[in-house]
Amino acid sequence: MSIKIIEVFVSLRDFVSDNLNLKLEVEMIKKKLINHDKNIELVFSYLDEMMEKQDNKVERIKIGYKK
């Protein structure tokens, strides 16, 4: 009977250990996703700025030989 109790505690320890590892991995993935979200927002803000600059583009005076 005592062997069964030890086996149960060992299996419980393994379960808790695996569960903890899974939680840590999920947290790492969450952190990466948050960083990816911020980077994507930054890219879109840069694209918006570039589009605004292109819309407000001033026509340049052409230089060179004119007929």
PDB file of N, CA and C in Angstrom:
ATOM      1  N   MET A   1       0.811  -1.188   0.000  1.00  0.00           N
ATOM      2  CA  MET A   1       0.000   0.000   0.000  1.00  0.00           C
ATOM      3  C   MET A   1       0.859   1.257   0.000  1.00  0.00           C
ATOM      4  N   SER A   2       1.944   1.269   0.736  1.00  0.00           N
ATOM      5  CA  SER A   2       2.804   2.448   0.797  1.00  0.00           C
ATOM      6  C   SER A   2       3.457   2.729  -0.562  1.00  0.00           C
ATOM      7  N   ILE A   3       3.717   1.670  -1.321  1.00  0.00           N
ATOM      8  CA  ILE A   3       4.287   1.851  -2.655  1.00  0.00           C
ATOM      9  C   ILE A   3       3.293   2.596  -3.551  1.00  0.00           C
ATOM     10  N   LYS A   4       2.020   2.266  -3.442  1.00  0.00           N
ATOM     11  CA  LYS A   4       0.984   2.954  -4.220  1.00  0.00           C
ATOM     12  C   LYS A   4       0.930   4.439  -3.845  1.00  0.00           C
ATOM     13  N   ILE A   5       1.059   4.734  -2.561  1.00  0.00           N
ATOM     14  CA  ILE A   5       1.033   6.127  -2.112  1.00  0.00           C
ATOM     15  C   ILE A   5       2.211   6.894  -2.704  1.00  0.00           C
ATOM     16  N   ILE A   6       3.366   6.291  -2.697  1.00  0.00           N
ATOM     17  CA  ILE A   6       4.554   6.922  -3.276  1.00  0.00           C
ATOM     18  C   ILE A   6       4.366   7.122  -4.774  1.00  0.00           C
ATOM     19  N   GLU A   7       3.813   6.120  -5.450  1.00  0.00           N
ATOM     20  CA  GLU A   7       3.570   6.254  -6.890  1.00  0.00           C
ATOM     21  C   GLU A   7       2.588   7.391  -7.178  1.00  0.00           C
ATOM     22  N   VAL A   8       1.576   7.527  -6.348  1.00  0.00           N
ATOM     23  CA  VAL A   8       0.602   8.611  -6.526  1.00  0.00           C
ATOM     24  C   VAL A   8       1.287   9.962  -6.343  1.00  0.00           C
ATOM     25  N   PHE A   9       2.127  10.092  -5.335  1.00  0.00           N
ATOM     26  CA  PHE A   9       2.826  11.351  -5.114  1.00  0.00           C
ATOM     27  C   PHE A   9       3.802  11.657  -6.255  1.00  0.00           C
ATOM     28  N   VAL A  10       4.449  10.651  -6.760  1.00  0.00           N
ATOM     29  CA  VAL A  10       5.362  10.845  -7.893  1.00  0.00           C
ATOM     30  C   VAL A  10       4.587  11.304  -9.119  1.00  0.00           C
ATOM     31  N   SER A  11       3.457  10.659  -9.379  1.00  0.00           N
ATOM     32  CA  SER A  11       2.649  11.063 -10.533  1.00  0.00           C
ATOM     33  C   SER A  11       2.082  12.469 -10.339  1.00  0.00           C
ATOM     34  N   LEU A  12       1.723  12.807  -9.122  1.00  0.00           N
ATOM     35  CA  LEU A  12       1.238  14.155  -8.819  1.00  0.00           C
ATOM     36  C   LEU A  12       2.340  15.182  -9.052  1.00  0.00           C
ATOM     37  N   ARG A  13       3.547  14.866  -8.614  1.00  0.00           N
ATOM     38  CA  ARG A  13       4.677  15.764  -8.827  1.00  0.00           C
ATOM     39  C   ARG A  13       4.937  15.959 -10.312  1.00  0.00           C
ATOM     40  N   ASP A  14       4.896  14.874 -11.092  1.00  0.00           N
ATOM     41  CA  ASP A  14       5.089  14.977 -12.534  1.00  0.00           C
ATOM     42  C   ASP A  14       3.995  15.821 -13.184  1.00  0.00           C
ATOM     43  N   PHE A  15       2.774  15.637 -12.739  1.00  0.00           N
ATOM     44  CA  PHE A  15       1.654  16.408 -13.275  1.00  0.00           C
ATOM     45  C   PHE A  15       1.841  17.897 -13.005  1.00  0.00           C
ATOM     46  N   VAL A  16       2.199  18.240 -11.783  1.00  0.00           N
ATOM     47  CA  VAL A  16       2.397  19.641 -11.414  1.00  0.00           C
ATOM     48  C   VAL A  16       3.563  20.230 -12.204  1.00  0.00           C
ATOM     49  N   SER A  17       4.607  19.465 -12.346  1.00  0.00           N
ATOM     50  CA  SER A  17       5.769  19.928 -13.102  1.00  0.00           C
ATOM     51  C   SER A  17       5.403  20.186 -14.561  1.00  0.00           C
ATOM     52  N   ASP A  18       4.693  19.254 -15.180  1.00  0.00           N
ATOM     53  CA  ASP A  18       4.270  19.431 -16.572  1.00  0.00           C
ATOM     54  C   ASP A  18       3.334  20.611 -16.703  1.00  0.00           C
ATOM     55  N   ASN A  19       2.433  20.749 -15.759  1.00  0.00           N
ATOM     56  CA  ASN A  19       1.482  21.849 -15.784  1.00  0.00           C
ATOM     57  C   ASN A  19       2.203  23.189 -15.669  1.00  0.00           C
ATOM     58  N   LEU A  20       3.198  23.251 -14.808  1.00  0.00           N
ATOM     59  CA  LEU A  20       3.971  24.474 -14.635  1.00  0.00           C
ATOM     60  C   LEU A  20       4.722  24.817 -15.916  1.00  0.00           C
ATOM     61  N   ASN A  21       5.314  23.813 -16.548  1.00  0.00           N
ATOM     62  CA  ASN A  21       6.021  24.039 -17.803  1.00  0.00           C
ATOM     63  C   ASN A  21       5.078  24.564 -18.877  1.00  0.00           C
ATOM     64  N   LEU A  22       3.891  24.022 -18.934  1.00  0.00           N
ATOM     65  CA  LEU A  22       2.911  24.499 -19.907  1.00  0.00           C
ATOM     66  C   LEU A  22       2.519  25.945 -19.632  1.00  0.00           C
ATOM     67  N   LYS A  23       2.319  26.272 -18.378  1.00  0.00           N
ATOM     68  CA  LYS A  23       1.974  27.652 -18.032  1.00  0.00           C
ATOM     69  C   LYS A  23       3.094  28.610 -18.425  1.00  0.00           C
ATOM     70  N   LEU A  24       4.329  28.214 -18.185  1.00  0.00           N
ATOM     71  CA  LEU A  24       5.467  29.061 -18.549  1.00  0.00           C
ATOM     72  C   LEU A  24       5.545  29.255 -20.057  1.00  0.00           C
ATOM     73  N   GLU A  25       5.316  28.197 -20.802  1.00  0.00           N
ATOM     74  CA  GLU A  25       5.345  28.298 -22.254  1.00  0.00           C
ATOM     75  C   GLU A  25       4.228  29.189 -22.772  1.00  0.00           C
ATOM     76  N   VAL A  26       3.054  29.078 -22.184  1.00  0.00           N
ATOM     77  CA  VAL A  26       1.931  29.924 -22.587  1.00  0.00           C
ATOM     78  C   VAL A  26       2.240  31.392 -22.291  1.00  0.00           C
ATOM     79  N   GLU A  27       2.840  31.668 -21.162  1.00  0.00           N
ATOM     80  CA  GLU A  27       3.204  33.040 -20.815  1.00  0.00           C
ATOM     81  C   GLU A  27       4.245  33.595 -21.789  1.00  0.00           C
ATOM     82  N   MET A  28       5.209  32.775 -22.181  1.00  0.00           N
ATOM     83  CA  MET A  28       6.202  33.213 -23.158  1.00  0.00           C
ATOM     84  C   MET A  28       5.532  33.544 -24.487  1.00  0.00           C
ATOM     85  N   ILE A  29       4.591  32.727 -24.900  1.00  0.00           N
ATOM     86  CA  ILE A  29       3.868  32.966 -26.154  1.00  0.00           C
ATOM     87  C   ILE A  29       3.063  34.254 -26.053  1.00  0.00           C
ATOM     88  N   LYS A  30       2.428  34.491 -24.918  1.00  0.00           N
ATOM     89  CA  LYS A  30       1.659  35.725 -24.725  1.00  0.00           C
ATOM     90  C   LYS A  30       2.556  36.945 -24.848  1.00  0.00           C
ATOM     91  N   LYS A  31       3.742  36.884 -24.244  1.00  0.00           N
ATOM     92  CA  LYS A  31       4.671  38.014 -24.323  1.00  0.00           C
ATOM     93  C   LYS A  31       5.090  38.266 -25.766  1.00  0.00           C
ATOM     94  N   LYS A  32       5.352  37.203 -26.506  1.00  0.00           N
ATOM     95  CA  LYS A  32       5.734  37.357 -27.911  1.00  0.00           C
ATOM     96  C   LYS A  32       4.596  37.961 -28.712  1.00  0.00           C
ATOM     97  N   LEU A  33       3.376  37.532 -28.450  1.00  0.00           N
ATOM     98  CA  LEU A  33       2.224  38.067 -29.171  1.00  0.00           C
ATOM     99  C   LEU A  33       2.031  39.545 -28.879  1.00  0.00           C
ATOM    100  N   ILE A  34       2.236  39.946 -27.641  1.00  0.00           N
ATOM    101  CA  ILE A  34       2.110  41.356 -27.296  1.00  0.00           C
ATOM    102  C   ILE A  34       3.149  42.167 -28.064  1.00  0.00           C
ATOM    103  N   ASN A  35       4.377  41.663 -28.126  1.00  0.00           N
ATOM    104  CA  ASN A  35       5.427  42.354 -28.876  1.00  0.00           C
ATOM    105  C   ASN A  35       5.084  42.407 -30.361  1.00  0.00           C
ATOM    106  N   HIS A  36       4.537  41.331 -30.902  1.00  0.00           N
ATOM    107  CA  HIS A  36       4.168  41.314 -32.313  1.00  0.00           C
ATOM    108  C   HIS A  36       3.054  42.321 -32.576  1.00  0.00           C
ATOM    109  N   ASP A  37       2.094  42.409 -31.673  1.00  0.00           N
ATOM    110  CA  ASP A  37       1.008  43.378 -31.835  1.00  0.00           C
ATOM    111  C   ASP A  37       1.551  44.798 -31.862  1.00  0.00           C
ATOM    112  N   LYS A  38       2.478  45.101 -30.966  1.00  0.00           N
ATOM    113  CA  LYS A  38       3.064  46.438 -30.933  1.00  0.00           C
ATOM    114  C   LYS A  38       3.836  46.725 -32.210  1.00  0.00           C
ATOM    115  N   ASN A  39       4.586  45.740 -32.696  1.00  0.00           N
ATOM    116  CA  ASN A  39       5.347  45.932 -33.923  1.00  0.00           C
ATOM    117  C   ASN A  39       4.426  46.143 -35.120  1.00  0.00           C
ATOM    118  N   ILE A  40       3.332  45.411 -35.185  1.00  0.00           N
ATOM    119  CA  ILE A  40       2.389  45.564 -36.288  1.00  0.00           C
ATOM    120  C   ILE A  40       1.751  46.947 -36.242  1.00  0.00           C
ATOM    121  N   GLU A  41       1.385  47.421 -35.056  1.00  0.00           N
ATOM    122  CA  GLU A  41       0.833  48.763 -34.925  1.00  0.00           C
ATOM    123  C   GLU A  41       1.842  49.809 -35.372  1.00  0.00           C
ATOM    124  N   LEU A  42       3.101  49.611 -35.028  1.00  0.00           N
ATOM    125  CA  LEU A  42       4.151  50.541 -35.435  1.00  0.00           C
ATOM    126  C   LEU A  42       4.297  50.569 -36.955  1.00  0.00           C
ATOM    127  N   VAL A  43       4.265  49.420 -37.581  1.00  0.00           N
ATOM    128  CA  VAL A  43       4.372  49.350 -39.047  1.00  0.00           C
ATOM    129  C   VAL A  43       3.202  50.087 -39.695  1.00  0.00           C
ATOM    130  N   PHE A  44       1.995  49.873 -39.189  1.00  0.00           N
ATOM    131  CA  PHE A  44       0.839  50.548 -39.763  1.00  0.00           C
ATOM    132  C   PHE A  44       0.907  52.060 -39.553  1.00  0.00           C
ATOM    133  N   SER A  45       1.427  52.497 -38.421  1.00  0.00           N
ATOM    134  CA  SER A  45       1.563  53.939 -38.210  1.00  0.00           C
ATOM    135  C   SER A  45       2.574  54.527 -39.194  1.00  0.00           C
ATOM    136  N   TYR A  46       3.682  53.817 -39.450  1.00  0.00           N
ATOM    137  CA  TYR A  46       4.647  54.286 -40.441  1.00  0.00           C
ATOM    138  C   TYR A  46       4.017  54.337 -41.835  1.00  0.00           C
ATOM    139  N   LEU A  47       3.230  53.322 -42.164  1.00  0.00           N
ATOM    140  CA  LEU A  47       2.562  53.325 -43.461  1.00  0.00           C
ATOM    141  C   LEU A  47       1.599  54.497 -43.581  1.00  0.00           C
ATOM    142  N   ASP A  48       0.868  54.796 -42.520  1.00  0.00           N
ATOM    143  CA  ASP A  48      -0.039  55.944 -42.536  1.00  0.00           C
ATOM    144  C   ASP A  48       0.724  57.244 -42.743  1.00  0.00           C
ATOM    145  N   GLU A  49       1.853  57.407 -42.057  1.00  0.00           N
ATOM    146  CA  GLU A  49       2.680  58.604 -42.226  1.00  0.00           C
ATOM    147  C   GLU A  49       3.173  58.727 -43.660  1.00  0.00           C
ATOM    148  N   MET A  50       3.611  57.617 -44.240  1.00  0.00           N
ATOM    149  CA  MET A  50       4.102  57.652 -45.624  1.00  0.00           C
ATOM    150  C   MET A  50       2.986  58.016 -46.589  1.00  0.00           C
ATOM    151  N   MET A  51       1.799  57.509 -46.357  1.00  0.00           N
ATOM    152  CA  MET A  51       0.673  57.839 -47.230  1.00  0.00           C
ATOM    153  C   MET A  51       0.291  59.312 -47.098  1.00  0.00           C
ATOM    154  N   GLU A  52       0.346  59.867 -45.886  1.00  0.00           N
ATOM    155  CA  GLU A  52       0.062  61.283 -45.693  1.00  0.00           C
ATOM    156  C   GLU A  52       1.096  62.145 -46.402  1.00  0.00           C
ATOM    157  N   LYS A  53       2.365  61.763 -46.302  1.00  0.00           N
ATOM    158  CA  LYS A  53       3.416  62.516 -46.995  1.00  0.00           C
ATOM    159  C   LYS A  53       3.216  62.468 -48.501  1.00  0.00           C
ATOM    160  N   GLN A  54       2.796  61.324 -49.012  1.00  0.00           N
ATOM    161  CA  GLN A  54       2.592  61.183 -50.445  1.00  0.00           C
ATOM    162  C   GLN A  54       1.378  62.015 -50.890  1.00  0.00           C
ATOM    163  N   ASP A  55       0.352  62.115 -50.072  1.00  0.00           N
ATOM    164  CA  ASP A  55      -0.826  62.915 -50.403  1.00  0.00           C
ATOM    165  C   ASP A  55      -0.507  64.407 -50.381  1.00  0.00           C
ATOM    166  N   ASN A  56       0.372  64.825 -49.486  1.00  0.00           N
ATOM    167  CA  ASN A  56       0.732  66.240 -49.352  1.00  0.00           C
ATOM    168  C   ASN A  56       1.959  66.602 -50.181  1.00  0.00           C
ATOM    169  N   LYS A  57       2.259  65.824 -51.163  1.00  0.00           N
ATOM    170  CA  LYS A  57       3.455  65.997 -51.973  1.00  0.00           C
ATOM    171  C   LYS A  57       3.345  67.289 -52.794  1.00  0.00           C
ATOM    172  N   VAL A  58       4.383  68.118 -52.734  1.00  0.00           N
ATOM    173  CA  VAL A  58       4.428  69.371 -53.483  1.00  0.00           C
ATOM    174  C   VAL A  58       5.113  69.093 -54.815  1.00  0.00           C
ATOM    175  N   GLU A  59       4.524  69.626 -55.881  1.00  0.00           N
ATOM    176  CA  GLU A  59       5.096  69.426 -57.218  1.00  0.00           C
ATOM    177  C   GLU A  59       6.423  70.169 -57.312  1.00  0.00           C
ATOM    178  N   ARG A  60       7.457  69.484 -57.726  1.00  0.00           N
ATOM    179  CA  ARG A  60       8.783  70.076 -57.829  1.00  0.00           C
ATOM    180  C   ARG A  60       8.933  70.822 -59.143  1.00  0.00           C
ATOM    181  N   ILE A  61       9.741  71.851 -59.115  1.00  0.00           N
ATOM    182  CA  ILE A  61      10.047  72.592 -60.336  1.00  0.00           C
ATOM    183  C   ILE A  61      11.083  71.788 -61.105  1.00  0.00           C
ATOM    184  N   LYS A  62      10.762  71.526 -62.357  1.00  0.00           N
ATOM    185  CA  LYS A  62      11.678  70.723 -63.175  1.00  0.00           C
ATOM    186  C   LYS A  62      12.833  71.615 -63.633  1.00  0.00           C
ATOM    187  N   ILE A  63      14.036  71.056 -63.562  1.00  0.00           N
ATOM    188  CA  ILE A  63      15.206  71.799 -64.001  1.00  0.00           C
ATOM    189  C   ILE A  63      15.762  71.096 -65.223  1.00  0.00           C
ATOM    190  N   GLY A  64      16.575  71.847 -65.958  1.00  0.00           N
ATOM    191  CA  GLY A  64      17.206  71.247 -67.117  1.00  0.00           C
ATOM    192  C   GLY A  64      16.863  72.042 -68.377  1.00  0.00           C
ATOM    193  N   TYR A  65      17.173  71.462 -69.504  1.00  0.00           N
ATOM    194  CA  TYR A  65      16.983  72.112 -70.793  1.00  0.00           C
ATOM    195  C   TYR A  65      15.494  72.170 -71.114  1.00  0.00           C
ATOM    196  N   LYS A  66      15.025  73.380 -71.530  1.00  0.00           N
ATOM    197  CA  LYS A  66      13.626  73.546 -71.898  1.00  0.00           C
ATOM    198  C   LYS A  66      13.582  74.077 -73.324  1.00  0.00           C
ATOM    199  N   LYS A  67      12.678  73.589 -74.103  1.00  0.00           N
ATOM    200  CA  LYS A  67      12.556  74.031 -75.487  1.00  0.00           C
ATOM    201  C   LYS A  67      11.761  75.290 -75.590  1.00  0.00           C
TER     202      LYS A  67
END
